[in-house]
Amino acid sequence: MSQDTPAANQRTTSVNLVRSSNPWTQANSAAGFVLRYLVIVRRQLVTVLGSPQHADECLKLLIAHLVSVGFGEHKKGKLRDFLIRAIRSTAKARLAELPEEQRSAVGIESIMNNNEKWLSLWRTGLLERAWRSLEQLEHKKPELPMYSVLHCATTKSKQPSQTLSQRIKLEKGIEIDEARIREVLPEARAMFAQLLADEVAETLEKPTAQEVKIELQTLGLTKAFDGIVI
């Protein structure tokens, strides 16, 4: 997450789509930056290769390459496009080392930038990172339980008859009344949207508000911004 992540005592009820000033193309360490998204890349490699072991071998190749030469001439455009090219390249190299009977039936060249499976994995990964960042903010300022309130308000409860305050107490161990929930929830929604916007902006070469909006639409993430001032 960007170093522009707000301090624990900073409040927000609106979103700046280009707040982050740390696009991937300006990362000091290519390998260090890509490590943020290693879980997403690994999931795609497992899908392509059909084996966690083969996926891990590909990850070793990718990280070694990034440590050696960085992003190189491919340091442009979207990070997800760079990574899908890296996935195809490392998977192809790994498959070439395997006996034919051990090779996955998935066609490497069919794994393209806008493949729905890849977009779905990328979307999920960005959401997970935004949730983790919101949780970290709550750890810094537990008296403002934005993560706990928003997570319980937006995920399915195992006991539908519970009130939200009851669920938060049971699942998160936090005593909070409904009035306080109504205060925290709008701020939590806005903060989550801001953190998600930061994530998206950092994966673009030269992010503008319009480019971030387009990427959010492409990834199906616009719902997180419903009712929020941008």
Protein backbone atom coordinates (compact mmCIF):
# COMPACT_ATOMS: atom_id res chain seq x y z
CA MET A 1 0.00 0.00 0.00
CA SER A 2 1.11 3.53 -0.72
CA GLN A 3 3.02 5.57 1.79
CA ASP A 4 0.13 8.02 1.32
CA THR A 5 -2.11 5.77 3.42
CA PRO A 6 -3.69 8.16 5.94
CA ALA A 7 -2.57 8.33 9.52
CA ALA A 8 -4.77 6.51 11.99
CA ASN A 9 -6.35 9.77 13.19
CA GLN A 10 -7.15 11.15 9.73
CA ARG A 11 -10.88 11.15 8.84
CA THR A 12 -12.39 11.02 5.38
CA THR A 13 -15.87 10.90 3.87
CA SER A 14 -14.83 11.39 0.24
CA VAL A 15 -12.37 9.79 -2.18
CA ASN A 16 -9.47 11.18 -4.20
CA LEU A 17 -8.92 8.76 -7.06
CA VAL A 18 -5.35 9.89 -7.67
CA ARG A 19 -4.18 10.45 -4.11
CA SER A 20 -1.45 7.81 -4.37
CA SER A 21 1.89 9.03 -5.73
CA ASN A 22 3.55 5.62 -5.98
CA PRO A 23 2.79 4.04 -9.38
CA TRP A 24 4.44 0.70 -10.05
CA THR A 25 6.65 2.09 -12.81
CA GLN A 26 8.46 4.26 -10.26
CA ALA A 27 9.08 1.54 -7.69
CA ASN A 28 12.60 1.50 -6.25
CA SER A 29 12.56 -2.29 -6.22
CA ALA A 30 10.67 -4.18 -8.93
CA ALA A 31 10.89 -7.44 -7.00
CA GLY A 32 9.78 -5.77 -3.77
CA PHE A 33 6.78 -4.16 -5.44
CA VAL A 34 5.65 -7.37 -7.16
CA LEU A 35 5.86 -9.27 -3.86
CA ARG A 36 2.66 -7.42 -2.90
CA TYR A 37 0.82 -9.31 -5.62
CA LEU A 38 2.56 -12.68 -5.33
CA VAL A 39 -0.56 -14.41 -3.99
CA ILE A 40 -2.56 -13.30 -7.05
CA VAL A 41 0.17 -14.36 -9.47
CA ARG A 42 0.52 -17.73 -7.73
CA ARG A 43 -3.21 -18.39 -8.01
CA GLN A 44 -3.07 -17.82 -11.77
CA LEU A 45 0.03 -19.99 -12.15
CA VAL A 46 -1.64 -22.84 -10.26
CA THR A 47 -4.61 -22.54 -12.62
CA VAL A 48 -2.33 -22.63 -15.67
CA LEU A 49 0.04 -25.34 -14.50
CA GLY A 50 -2.28 -27.40 -12.32
CA SER A 51 0.36 -27.70 -9.62
CA PRO A 52 1.36 -25.51 -6.63
CA GLN A 53 4.88 -26.91 -6.91
CA HIS A 54 5.23 -25.83 -10.55
CA ALA A 55 3.72 -22.46 -9.68
CA ASP A 56 6.31 -21.91 -6.95
CA GLU A 57 9.13 -22.74 -9.37
CA CYS A 58 7.76 -20.10 -11.74
CA LEU A 59 7.61 -17.56 -8.94
CA LYS A 60 11.28 -18.20 -8.19
CA LEU A 61 12.10 -17.50 -11.84
CA LEU A 62 10.04 -14.31 -11.85
CA ILE A 63 11.50 -12.88 -8.66
CA ALA A 64 15.05 -13.75 -9.72
CA HIS A 65 14.46 -11.96 -13.02
CA LEU A 66 13.06 -8.87 -11.31
CA VAL A 67 15.97 -8.76 -8.86
CA SER A 68 18.41 -9.02 -11.77
CA VAL A 69 16.95 -6.63 -14.35
CA GLY A 70 13.87 -5.02 -12.81
CA PHE A 71 10.89 -4.24 -15.02
CA GLY A 72 13.18 -3.48 -17.96
CA GLU A 73 11.63 -2.22 -21.17
CA HIS A 74 8.20 -3.45 -20.09
CA LYS A 75 7.86 -0.74 -17.45
CA LYS A 76 4.74 0.84 -18.93
CA GLY A 77 1.00 0.44 -19.00
CA LYS A 78 -0.81 -1.60 -16.35
CA LEU A 79 0.95 -3.78 -13.81
CA ARG A 80 -1.61 -6.56 -14.33
CA ASP A 81 -0.65 -6.65 -18.04
CA PHE A 82 3.04 -6.88 -17.15
CA LEU A 83 2.34 -9.70 -14.72
CA ILE A 84 0.19 -11.75 -17.11
CA ARG A 85 3.04 -11.58 -19.65
CA ALA A 86 5.41 -12.76 -16.93
CA ILE A 87 3.01 -15.56 -16.04
CA ARG A 88 2.86 -16.74 -19.65
CA SER A 89 6.63 -16.54 -20.01
CA THR A 90 7.55 -18.37 -16.81
CA ALA A 91 4.81 -20.98 -17.25
CA LYS A 92 5.99 -21.67 -20.79
CA ALA A 93 9.56 -22.10 -19.56
CA ARG A 94 8.43 -24.42 -16.78
CA LEU A 95 6.28 -26.57 -19.07
CA ALA A 96 9.17 -26.96 -21.50
CA GLU A 97 11.16 -28.63 -18.71
CA LEU A 98 8.43 -31.20 -17.97
CA PRO A 99 7.68 -34.51 -19.67
CA GLU A 100 4.70 -34.15 -21.98
CA GLU A 101 2.45 -36.33 -19.79
CA GLN A 102 2.97 -33.94 -16.85
CA ARG A 103 2.01 -30.79 -18.73
CA SER A 104 -1.23 -28.97 -18.06
CA ALA A 105 -3.87 -29.01 -20.78
CA VAL A 106 -4.36 -25.24 -20.46
CA GLY A 107 -3.08 -23.32 -23.49
CA ILE A 108 -0.55 -20.75 -22.32
CA GLU A 109 -1.29 -18.36 -25.14
CA SER A 110 -4.96 -18.31 -24.18
CA ILE A 111 -4.06 -16.54 -20.93
CA MET A 112 -4.46 -12.97 -22.16
CA ASN A 113 -4.55 -9.58 -20.44
CA ASN A 114 -8.34 -9.37 -20.30
CA ASN A 115 -9.00 -13.05 -19.68
CA GLU A 116 -11.96 -13.17 -17.27
CA LYS A 117 -10.19 -15.59 -14.93
CA TRP A 118 -7.21 -13.26 -14.62
CA LEU A 119 -9.39 -10.17 -14.15
CA SER A 120 -11.34 -12.00 -11.45
CA LEU A 121 -8.17 -13.00 -9.61
CA TRP A 122 -6.77 -9.49 -9.91
CA ARG A 123 -10.02 -7.95 -8.65
CA THR A 124 -10.11 -10.30 -5.67
CA GLY A 125 -6.48 -9.57 -4.85
CA LEU A 126 -6.98 -5.80 -4.85
CA LEU A 127 -10.03 -6.13 -2.62
CA GLU A 128 -8.10 -8.32 -0.18
CA ARG A 129 -5.31 -5.75 -0.01
CA ALA A 130 -7.79 -2.93 0.64
CA TRP A 131 -9.43 -4.94 3.43
CA ARG A 132 -6.02 -5.62 5.03
CA SER A 133 -5.16 -1.93 4.90
CA LEU A 134 -8.45 -1.00 6.54
CA GLU A 135 -7.82 -3.59 9.24
CA GLN A 136 -4.37 -2.14 9.86
CA LEU A 137 -5.89 1.31 10.33
CA GLU A 138 -8.22 -0.13 12.96
CA HIS A 139 -5.28 -1.71 14.77
CA LYS A 140 -3.67 1.73 14.94
CA LYS A 141 -6.85 3.35 16.22
CA PRO A 142 -9.11 0.70 17.78
CA GLU A 143 -11.56 3.31 19.05
CA LEU A 144 -12.57 3.83 15.40
CA PRO A 145 -13.47 0.24 14.35
CA MET A 146 -14.01 0.91 10.65
CA TYR A 147 -12.85 -2.52 9.53
CA SER A 148 -14.97 -4.44 12.02
CA VAL A 149 -18.11 -2.42 11.33
CA LEU A 150 -17.78 -2.50 7.53
CA HIS A 151 -16.77 -6.15 7.34
CA CYS A 152 -19.72 -7.26 9.42
CA ALA A 153 -22.09 -4.92 7.57
CA THR A 154 -21.09 -6.18 4.11
CA THR A 155 -20.49 -9.91 4.58
CA LYS A 156 -23.09 -12.59 5.12
CA SER A 157 -23.88 -13.50 8.71
CA LYS A 158 -24.27 -17.09 9.81
CA GLN A 159 -27.08 -15.92 12.07
CA PRO A 160 -29.39 -13.63 10.03
CA SER A 161 -31.52 -12.72 13.05
CA GLN A 162 -28.63 -10.91 14.75
CA THR A 163 -28.47 -7.14 14.90
CA LEU A 164 -25.29 -5.63 13.50
CA SER A 165 -24.09 -4.61 16.95
CA GLN A 166 -24.62 -8.18 18.20
CA ARG A 167 -22.69 -9.59 15.27
CA ILE A 168 -19.78 -7.18 15.77
CA LYS A 169 -19.59 -8.14 19.44
CA LEU A 170 -19.70 -11.87 18.66
CA GLU A 171 -17.30 -11.90 15.70
CA LYS A 172 -14.96 -9.02 16.53
CA GLY A 173 -15.28 -8.75 20.31
CA ILE A 174 -16.22 -5.07 20.11
CA GLU A 175 -18.99 -3.44 22.14
CA ILE A 176 -20.67 -0.84 19.93
CA ASP A 177 -24.24 0.46 19.85
CA GLU A 178 -26.36 1.06 16.75
CA ALA A 179 -26.00 4.84 16.99
CA ARG A 180 -22.21 4.59 16.90
CA ILE A 181 -22.42 2.11 14.02
CA ARG A 182 -24.41 4.66 12.00
CA GLU A 183 -21.62 7.19 12.62
CA VAL A 184 -18.76 4.86 11.73
CA LEU A 185 -20.24 3.05 8.73
CA PRO A 186 -20.24 5.94 6.19
CA GLU A 187 -16.67 6.81 7.11
CA ALA A 188 -15.64 3.16 6.84
CA ARG A 189 -17.20 2.87 3.37
CA ALA A 190 -15.37 5.99 2.21
CA MET A 191 -12.06 4.86 3.68
CA PHE A 192 -12.35 1.42 2.09
CA ALA A 193 -13.11 3.05 -1.28
CA GLN A 194 -10.09 5.35 -0.84
CA LEU A 195 -7.78 2.46 -0.07
CA LEU A 196 -9.12 0.56 -3.08
CA ALA A 197 -8.61 3.60 -5.32
CA ASP A 198 -5.02 3.83 -4.03
CA GLU A 199 -4.45 0.18 -4.91
CA VAL A 200 -5.75 0.66 -8.44
CA ALA A 201 -3.82 3.90 -9.01
CA GLU A 202 -0.55 2.26 -8.03
CA THR A 203 -1.01 -0.42 -10.70
CA LEU A 204 -1.24 2.18 -13.50
CA GLU A 205 1.70 3.84 -15.25
CA LYS A 206 0.55 7.46 -15.02
CA PRO A 207 -2.76 7.42 -13.19
CA THR A 208 -5.37 10.09 -13.78
CA ALA A 209 -8.85 10.19 -12.30
CA GLN A 210 -10.30 9.07 -15.63
CA GLU A 211 -7.85 6.16 -15.97
CA VAL A 212 -8.60 5.00 -12.44
CA LYS A 213 -12.35 5.14 -13.17
CA ILE A 214 -11.89 3.08 -16.33
CA GLU A 215 -9.82 0.48 -14.50
CA LEU A 216 -12.40 0.26 -11.72
CA GLN A 217 -15.08 -0.32 -14.35
CA THR A 218 -12.99 -2.93 -16.16
CA LEU A 219 -12.42 -4.83 -12.93
CA GLY A 220 -16.02 -4.51 -11.74
CA LEU A 221 -15.11 -2.53 -8.63
CA THR A 222 -17.35 0.51 -9.01
CA LYS A 223 -19.91 -0.76 -6.49
CA ALA A 224 -17.48 0.08 -3.68
CA PHE A 225 -17.86 3.76 -4.63
CA ASP A 226 -21.67 3.91 -4.70
CA GLY A 227 -22.94 6.95 -2.80
CA ILE A 228 -19.42 8.28 -2.10
CA VAL A 229 -18.23 11.74 -3.11
CA ILE A 230 -15.32 11.51 -5.58
